[in-house]
Amino acid sequence: MPDSAPPQDAVSVIAQEFLVDEPCSIAVDVPGAHVRMRPGPAKDRVEVDISVSGCPPDTAEDILDRMQVGTQQMKDTVRVYGDGDQSDAEWWRWVRTLDVTVHVDLRLPSRVEADLRVPGGEIDIADLQGHLDLKVMGGPCRAENLEGTLDIRAESSDVAISGFSGDQVIARIAVGSLTITDVQADTLTLRSVAAPSSLTNVDGATDVTANSTSVEIQSLTGPVTARSQGGDLSYTGAPTHETELTVVGSSLSLRVPSDHPADLTMVGDTLTLDEAFAFGGDHTPHEISGPLNDGGPPLVLRAIGGSAHCHPS
């Protein structure tokens, strides 16, 4: 997803500034908008620019009027809203047939408390700190170089999280995709339905639940529990903490260094343990259990109605 700064031909309709404390509280609820958030030049100021691209200036103002887009400051919170009748099917048909793009460009203090809701829109947020609660449906969401806590709920959206550090990441994705790279957090909780998920260079206690989709994990540090029903699960790395991987009705693939130590347990209909590993335990057609390379952290692979394979990386 490229940087979503408004194009040069976008017509600015609303441009306002608000004096705020830090951390700044910001709430956005504008259906169909492309929301972009970046640090601004001042710690005590929020700059809001709402523009429309793809139409002449007089049409841009009419569109925002019909969508009832506005801004206000309530106590410590700056709100950007669209108060059109979202329960009206005709209103939604009109919004979806608009051949224009509404841009909400926010310049903020670096520390924020943000609550973003943009059904049918996009989110692009970077280089901020604080608590971030993002909800998007139908468009991409990018969260980059953030600190603090991050909670993303998305549907029919491609979600990318990169360069995060902080306490917690929660991502719940239904349809679309989830890509996580270079993330360090105390806990990561990921829920995916029909949204292929990829985790690369992740540090933290990780819990993944996936349905009807694939999961790919590479270079993960910390304890991990990953479950996939109806989709393949692959793990590549050298787990240093307790690791539990489970698939139902699909394939589980593990790749670790040939000299990696672990207390290995594998259960499934079809099991493969490469002969390159030094293994000193019991081996039956449906269960493998014992020390791998003299033993180490627990490493559990379960393939319920499926297959599990352990190969050297």
Protein backbone atom coordinates (compact mmCIF):
# COMPACT_ATOMS: atom_id res chain seq x y z
CA MET A 1 0.00 0.00 0.00
CA PRO A 2 1.66 3.29 -1.07
CA ASP A 3 1.64 6.42 1.08
CA SER A 4 -1.93 7.75 0.95
CA ALA A 5 -1.18 11.48 1.04
CA PRO A 6 -3.92 13.38 -0.83
CA PRO A 7 -3.02 13.95 -4.50
CA GLN A 8 -2.05 17.43 -5.64
CA ASP A 9 -5.35 17.93 -7.43
CA ALA A 10 -7.43 17.21 -4.30
CA VAL A 11 -9.75 20.06 -3.37
CA SER A 12 -9.33 21.13 0.26
CA VAL A 13 -12.75 21.83 1.76
CA ILE A 14 -12.11 21.84 5.52
CA ALA A 15 -8.81 22.99 7.05
CA GLN A 16 -8.74 23.52 10.82
CA GLU A 17 -6.40 23.54 13.78
CA PHE A 18 -7.15 22.53 17.38
CA LEU A 19 -5.10 23.15 20.51
CA VAL A 20 -4.69 19.91 22.51
CA ASP A 21 -2.75 18.32 25.34
CA GLU A 22 -0.40 15.40 24.85
CA PRO A 23 -1.33 12.60 24.48
CA CYS A 24 -3.89 13.85 22.02
CA SER A 25 -7.30 12.14 21.78
CA ILE A 26 -8.59 11.79 18.22
CA ALA A 27 -11.74 10.09 16.92
CA VAL A 28 -12.54 9.59 13.24
CA ASP A 29 -15.76 8.11 11.83
CA VAL A 30 -16.15 8.95 8.14
CA PRO A 31 -17.50 6.20 5.83
CA GLY A 32 -15.44 5.66 2.69
CA ALA A 33 -12.67 8.09 3.67
CA HIS A 34 -8.96 7.63 3.12
CA VAL A 35 -7.53 8.48 6.55
CA ARG A 36 -3.87 9.37 6.93
CA MET A 37 -2.22 10.14 10.28
CA ARG A 38 1.29 11.48 10.79
CA PRO A 39 3.15 13.52 13.45
CA GLY A 40 2.77 17.25 12.97
CA PRO A 41 5.13 20.14 13.69
CA ALA A 42 3.68 21.01 17.14
CA LYS A 43 3.10 19.01 20.35
CA ASP A 44 0.01 21.03 21.27
CA ARG A 45 -1.81 21.16 17.93
CA VAL A 46 -3.93 18.96 15.67
CA GLU A 47 -4.11 19.98 12.02
CA VAL A 48 -7.09 18.58 10.07
CA ASP A 49 -7.37 18.81 6.31
CA ILE A 50 -10.37 17.22 4.60
CA SER A 51 -10.25 17.21 0.83
CA VAL A 52 -11.92 15.53 -2.14
CA SER A 53 -10.17 14.31 -5.27
CA GLY A 54 -11.79 13.46 -8.59
CA CYS A 55 -14.20 16.38 -8.87
CA PRO A 56 -14.33 20.21 -9.26
CA PRO A 57 -14.35 22.49 -6.15
CA ASP A 58 -18.10 23.21 -6.06
CA THR A 59 -18.92 19.50 -6.30
CA ALA A 60 -16.44 18.70 -3.51
CA GLU A 61 -18.26 20.99 -1.09
CA ASP A 62 -21.64 19.51 -2.05
CA ILE A 63 -20.37 15.98 -1.46
CA LEU A 64 -19.09 16.73 2.04
CA ASP A 65 -22.33 18.58 2.80
CA ARG A 66 -24.43 15.57 1.86
CA MET A 67 -22.14 13.27 3.84
CA GLN A 68 -22.41 15.79 6.70
CA VAL A 69 -18.68 15.69 7.24
CA GLY A 70 -17.43 17.99 9.96
CA THR A 71 -15.03 18.48 12.85
CA GLN A 72 -15.41 19.46 16.48
CA GLN A 73 -13.51 19.41 19.75
CA MET A 74 -15.33 17.89 22.71
CA LYS A 75 -13.37 18.33 25.95
CA ASP A 76 -10.03 16.68 25.16
CA THR A 77 -11.10 14.85 21.98
CA VAL A 78 -10.93 16.11 18.41
CA ARG A 79 -13.64 14.47 16.30
CA VAL A 80 -13.81 14.12 12.53
CA TYR A 81 -17.18 12.71 11.58
CA GLY A 82 -19.63 11.98 8.80
CA ASP A 83 -23.17 12.19 10.11
CA GLY A 84 -25.03 11.03 7.00
CA ASP A 85 -27.85 8.59 7.65
CA GLN A 86 -25.88 5.33 7.56
CA SER A 87 -29.06 3.34 8.16
CA ASP A 88 -30.49 4.62 4.87
CA ALA A 89 -29.84 2.14 2.04
CA GLU A 90 -30.25 4.89 -0.57
CA TRP A 91 -27.61 6.99 1.17
CA TRP A 92 -25.15 4.07 1.11
CA ARG A 93 -25.86 3.42 -2.58
CA TRP A 94 -25.03 7.05 -3.27
CA VAL A 95 -21.78 6.84 -1.28
CA ARG A 96 -20.68 3.65 -3.03
CA THR A 97 -21.32 5.05 -6.51
CA LEU A 98 -19.30 8.23 -5.90
CA ASP A 99 -16.40 8.40 -8.33
CA VAL A 100 -14.39 10.57 -5.93
CA THR A 101 -12.20 10.06 -2.87
CA VAL A 102 -12.59 11.82 0.46
CA HIS A 103 -9.23 12.37 2.18
CA VAL A 104 -8.87 12.98 5.91
CA ASP A 105 -5.29 14.09 6.52
CA LEU A 106 -4.30 14.52 10.18
CA ARG A 107 -1.12 16.04 11.59
CA LEU A 108 -0.87 15.26 15.29
CA PRO A 109 1.33 15.33 18.36
CA SER A 110 3.45 12.18 18.38
CA ARG A 111 1.55 10.72 21.38
CA VAL A 112 -2.08 9.94 20.66
CA GLU A 113 -5.17 8.07 21.81
CA ALA A 114 -6.85 7.29 18.49
CA ASP A 115 -10.18 5.67 17.62
CA LEU A 116 -10.66 5.31 13.85
CA ARG A 117 -13.74 3.88 12.10
CA VAL A 118 -13.80 4.03 8.32
CA PRO A 119 -16.21 1.50 6.76
CA GLY A 120 -15.54 1.31 3.05
CA GLY A 121 -12.37 3.40 3.41
CA GLU A 122 -8.63 3.11 4.03
CA ILE A 123 -6.26 3.75 6.93
CA ASP A 124 -2.61 4.76 6.69
CA ILE A 125 -1.00 5.55 10.06
CA ALA A 126 2.70 5.86 10.85
CA ASP A 127 5.32 7.21 13.27
CA LEU A 128 3.01 7.69 16.27
CA GLN A 129 2.89 6.50 19.87
CA GLY A 130 0.02 5.62 22.18
CA HIS A 131 -3.16 3.55 22.07
CA LEU A 132 -4.54 3.01 18.57
CA ASP A 133 -7.94 1.43 17.88
CA LEU A 134 -8.55 0.95 14.15
CA LYS A 135 -11.63 -0.42 12.38
CA VAL A 136 -11.77 -0.71 8.60
CA MET A 137 -13.95 -2.59 6.14
CA GLY A 138 -13.42 -3.01 2.42
CA GLY A 139 -10.12 -1.13 2.09
CA PRO A 140 -6.46 -1.56 3.05
CA CYS A 141 -4.97 -0.68 6.43
CA ARG A 142 -1.30 0.09 6.99
CA ALA A 143 0.23 0.63 10.45
CA GLU A 144 3.93 1.45 10.37
CA ASN A 145 6.57 2.45 12.94
CA LEU A 146 4.17 2.66 15.88
CA GLU A 147 4.70 2.34 19.65
CA GLY A 148 2.28 1.47 22.43
CA THR A 149 -0.81 -0.68 21.92
CA LEU A 150 -2.56 -1.50 18.67
CA ASP A 151 -6.03 -2.99 18.15
CA ILE A 152 -7.15 -3.60 14.55
CA ARG A 153 -10.46 -5.04 13.39
CA ALA A 154 -10.89 -5.43 9.65
CA GLU A 155 -13.18 -7.12 7.15
CA SER A 156 -12.48 -7.61 3.44
CA SER A 157 -9.25 -5.67 3.97
CA ASP A 158 -5.54 -6.18 3.47
CA VAL A 159 -3.82 -5.30 6.75
CA ALA A 160 -0.07 -4.66 7.09
CA ILE A 161 1.66 -4.00 10.40
CA SER A 162 5.40 -3.26 10.39
CA GLY A 163 7.96 -1.70 12.69
CA PHE A 164 5.82 -1.86 15.86
CA SER A 165 7.11 -1.93 19.43
CA GLY A 166 5.12 -1.83 22.62
CA ASP A 167 2.79 -3.67 24.97
CA GLN A 168 0.19 -5.35 22.81
CA VAL A 169 -1.02 -6.05 19.29
CA ILE A 170 -4.51 -7.41 18.66
CA ALA A 171 -5.60 -8.05 15.07
CA ARG A 172 -8.91 -9.60 14.04
CA ILE A 173 -9.23 -10.00 10.28
CA ALA A 174 -12.10 -11.54 8.32
CA VAL A 175 -11.38 -12.01 4.59
CA GLY A 176 -8.45 -10.17 3.04
CA SER A 177 -4.90 -10.67 4.35
CA LEU A 178 -2.70 -9.98 7.35
CA THR A 179 1.03 -9.27 7.10
CA ILE A 180 3.13 -8.62 10.22
CA THR A 181 6.85 -7.79 10.01
CA ASP A 182 9.47 -6.46 12.45
CA VAL A 183 7.17 -6.36 15.47
CA GLN A 184 8.16 -6.46 19.14
CA ALA A 185 5.37 -6.62 21.71
CA ASP A 186 4.73 -8.22 25.06
CA THR A 187 1.72 -10.04 23.58
CA LEU A 188 0.34 -10.55 20.08
CA THR A 189 -3.16 -11.94 19.60
CA LEU A 190 -4.19 -12.66 16.03
CA ARG A 191 -7.53 -13.96 14.75
CA SER A 192 -7.99 -14.64 11.06
CA VAL A 193 -10.91 -15.97 9.03
CA ALA A 194 -10.29 -16.55 5.31
CA ALA A 195 -7.40 -14.07 5.48
CA PRO A 196 -3.94 -15.54 4.75
CA SER A 197 -1.55 -14.48 7.52
CA SER A 198 2.21 -13.97 7.50
CA LEU A 199 4.42 -13.21 10.52
CA THR A 200 8.10 -12.37 10.01
CA ASN A 201 10.67 -11.16 12.57
CA VAL A 202 8.26 -11.08 15.51
CA ASP A 203 9.31 -10.93 19.17
CA GLY A 204 6.70 -11.58 21.85
CA ALA A 205 4.24 -14.06 23.29
CA THR A 206 2.11 -14.91 20.24
CA ASP A 207 -1.31 -16.50 19.95
CA VAL A 208 -2.70 -17.18 16.47
CA THR A 209 -6.09 -18.66 15.55
CA ALA A 210 -6.95 -19.09 11.87
CA ASN A 211 -9.92 -20.58 10.05
CA SER A 212 -10.10 -21.50 6.35
CA THR A 213 -6.78 -19.86 5.57
CA SER A 214 -3.02 -20.38 5.65
CA VAL A 215 -0.55 -19.15 8.26
CA GLU A 216 3.17 -18.61 7.66
CA ILE A 217 5.53 -17.88 10.57
CA GLN A 218 9.22 -17.01 10.20
CA SER A 219 11.81 -15.91 12.76
CA LEU A 220 9.58 -15.67 15.81
CA THR A 221 11.06 -15.18 19.29
CA GLY A 222 8.95 -15.98 22.34
CA PRO A 223 6.31 -18.56 23.24
CA VAL A 224 3.81 -19.26 20.50
CA THR A 225 0.49 -21.02 20.20
CA ALA A 226 -0.85 -21.26 16.65
CA ARG A 227 -3.98 -23.09 15.49
CA SER A 228 -5.25 -23.39 11.93
CA GLN A 229 -8.46 -25.14 10.92
CA GLY A 230 -8.87 -25.82 7.24
CA GLY A 231 -5.62 -24.14 6.22
CA ASP A 232 -1.92 -25.01 6.09
CA LEU A 233 0.46 -23.79 8.81
CA SER A 234 4.19 -23.36 8.33
CA TYR A 235 6.86 -22.34 10.85
CA THR A 236 10.48 -21.56 10.01
CA GLY A 237 12.96 -20.59 12.72
CA ALA A 238 14.63 -21.76 15.92
CA PRO A 239 12.05 -21.56 18.73
CA THR A 240 13.59 -20.65 22.08
CA HIS A 241 10.37 -20.90 24.12
CA GLU A 242 7.46 -23.32 24.37
CA THR A 243 5.90 -23.68 20.93
CA GLU A 244 2.60 -25.38 20.17
CA LEU A 245 1.35 -25.69 16.59
CA THR A 246 -1.95 -27.34 15.63
CA VAL A 247 -3.78 -27.91 12.36
CA VAL A 248 -7.14 -29.50 11.71
CA GLY A 249 -7.70 -31.14 8.34
CA SER A 250 -4.61 -29.64 6.75
CA SER A 251 -0.81 -29.74 6.66
CA LEU A 252 1.71 -28.53 9.25
CA SER A 253 5.30 -27.85 8.18
CA LEU A 254 8.14 -27.08 10.60
CA ARG A 255 11.65 -26.11 9.51
CA VAL A 256 14.34 -25.67 12.17
CA PRO A 257 18.16 -25.99 12.13
CA SER A 258 19.30 -29.60 12.07
CA ASP A 259 21.06 -29.13 15.43
CA HIS A 260 18.14 -27.38 17.12
CA PRO A 261 17.40 -28.77 20.64
CA ALA A 262 13.78 -29.39 21.68
CA ASP A 263 11.53 -31.77 23.55
CA LEU A 264 9.51 -32.84 20.53
CA THR A 265 5.98 -34.19 20.36
CA MET A 266 4.30 -34.88 17.01
CA VAL A 267 0.80 -36.31 16.67
CA GLY A 268 -1.13 -36.83 13.44
CA ASP A 269 -2.38 -39.11 10.70
CA THR A 270 0.84 -38.69 8.70
CA LEU A 271 4.13 -37.76 10.36
CA THR A 272 7.57 -37.02 8.92
CA LEU A 273 10.72 -36.41 10.98
CA ASP A 274 13.78 -35.89 8.82
CA GLU A 275 16.71 -38.23 9.51
CA ALA A 276 19.07 -35.23 9.68
CA PHE A 277 17.93 -34.66 13.30
CA ALA A 278 19.45 -36.54 16.23
CA PHE A 279 16.33 -38.01 17.84
CA GLY A 280 16.31 -40.21 20.93
CA GLY A 281 12.63 -40.86 21.58
CA ASP A 282 9.75 -43.07 20.48
CA HIS A 283 8.51 -43.18 16.90
CA THR A 284 5.16 -44.74 15.90
CA PRO A 285 3.06 -44.12 12.76
CA HIS A 286 0.86 -41.56 14.56
CA GLU A 287 3.06 -40.22 17.36
CA ILE A 288 6.66 -39.11 17.75
CA SER A 289 7.85 -38.10 21.20
CA GLY A 290 11.27 -37.50 22.73
CA PRO A 291 14.36 -35.29 22.82
CA LEU A 292 15.53 -33.67 19.63
CA ASN A 293 19.30 -33.03 19.72
CA ASP A 294 19.45 -33.82 23.46
CA GLY A 295 16.27 -31.87 24.28
CA GLY A 296 15.22 -28.30 24.91
CA PRO A 297 12.05 -26.16 25.04
CA PRO A 298 8.76 -28.02 24.43
CA LEU A 299 7.88 -28.23 20.75
CA VAL A 300 4.44 -29.71 20.07
CA LEU A 301 3.02 -30.39 16.60
CA ARG A 302 -0.55 -31.64 16.26
CA ALA A 303 -2.16 -32.54 12.96
CA ILE A 304 -5.76 -33.59 13.59
CA GLY A 305 -7.01 -35.28 10.46
CA GLY A 306 -3.91 -34.02 8.64
CA SER A 307 -0.16 -34.30 8.33
CA ALA A 308 2.88 -32.88 10.20
CA HIS A 309 6.40 -32.63 8.82
CA CYS A 310 9.65 -31.58 10.50
CA HIS A 311 12.59 -30.78 8.22
CA PRO A 312 15.96 -29.03 8.65
CA SER A 313 16.05 -25.40 7.55
